[in-house]
Amino acid sequence: ESVFEMDEVVVSTPFNKLQSQNVMKVEHESIKTLQQKGTSTLIEGLATIPGVSQISTGTSIGKPVIRGLSGNRVLVYSQGVRIENQQFGDEHGLGLNDAGIESVEVIKGPASLLYGSDALGGVLYFNPEKFADANTFKANFSQKYFTNTQGSNSSIGLKTSTDNWKFLARGSFNTHSDYKIADGDRVTNTRYNETDFKTGVGYSNSSFSSVLRYNYNKLDIGIPEEGIAEQSSSKNTLFPRQGIFNHLLSLNNVIFFQNSKLDVDLGYIANDRSEFEDSNVAALHMKLNTFNYNAKYHFPKFGKIETIVGVQGMHQTNKNSGEEYLIPNATTNDFGAFGTANYEWNNNVLQAGLRFDNRKVTSEAHGTEGEEGYFLPLDRSFDSFNASLGYKTKLAEPLTLRLNVATGFRAP
């Protein structure tokens, strides 16, 4: 009996090659592997991947860092959709729960050719939980306890499939007390509570595939400001605190032609963020609504050359309803068009691509001119051209050489 071990397929790169065939080196980790490291949150697990770290405020608020860059300089994708959740803020975390996520792929370095603005430091690409095999039904339940925060993580899921139809659903709940440091004291108000629900339905046949997924995430997060103060194991957050509601809806359609295919991703994200300073009346309340689209056409293979062309865009609105404004009411529209080609011969691969992007930003005036907190009205447009060139060759059986040169940009 022989065992054949195969590389994983990399989803976050354009041609979905095996890792051994890919021009770019992409780190791939299963979420199960990250969970086995004993971390209590998804961002803590990500920080164990080489080349990825985090900026954190307690256990509940963490932001990924790749090559020293974070916030709006690192892109996060989930369910094939670009995540937009006011990630510019130091105390604005990842906003994702690891339940219902299969794996993560990490692209290090500029990736604007594929993803447009903000992909400077790199990209975190989360692959959702797979559907059940055809004509099967599966259900599972997991329960974890964390001694440091006296916290628990409960998750229950079920999934079933026929030959053509697929369905899954998963719910989870996390609750944690304040984090305990080495001397036994707890860092006051690092407690948090999180509710997460994911569901998906899919249909596929020989010429068409469609998957609709939805993710709801609710976070009640304490903001630590006093360091070591009142000692408690309560899980009820104190002031100041954040209340965050995220809704993510995604639709992926693939149409298969004789020797080519069209891949279309549509996504809608509603991010509702409130900050409460000393009462249950929100001092800061922002609603960010984002519609994403991404269409790619894979041309028929011409000899050893594979070619993809695509368009990508975003329509986003931000509205404030609290007294405090971090950013003004604004509308952002992105549009990008790109093309990339992949050429393979013997043990060599050459990949190149070009992309054009435009971002148009309009914002409203707020406040009184000359006073603190005043925002000027804005109506600006930004253009950018980006390119990527990569080469891979196998020098010897255990030795592979990869060379990549790419540009990236971040529009305001």
Foldseek 3Di string as FASTA:
>chain_A
DDDDDFAAFDPVDDPRHGCLQDQARKDKDWVVVLVVVVQDFPQVSVCVPPQWHWQDQFNPAIWIAGPNDTFLQEWEADPNDTDDANSNDSRHHPQDGNPQWTMKMKGAAADCQRPNANQGGTYIYIHGDDADPAADKDKDWDKDADPQFRKIKIKIKIWYHHPFKIKIKMKMKIWGFFGADDVGFGFPQQTKIKIKMKMKMWGDDPFKIKIKIKMKMWMKGGGRDPTGDDGDSDRDGAPFIKIKIKIKIKMWMWGDDPQKIKIKIKMKMWIWMFTDHHDPAGQKIKIKIKIKMKMKIWDGDDVQKTKIKIKIKMWMWMDIDHNADPDFTKIKIKIKIKMKMWGDDDQKIKIKMKMKMKMWMWGDWDDDPPDPPTDDTDTDMDMDMKMKIKMKGAPDDVDIDIDIDIDHHHDD
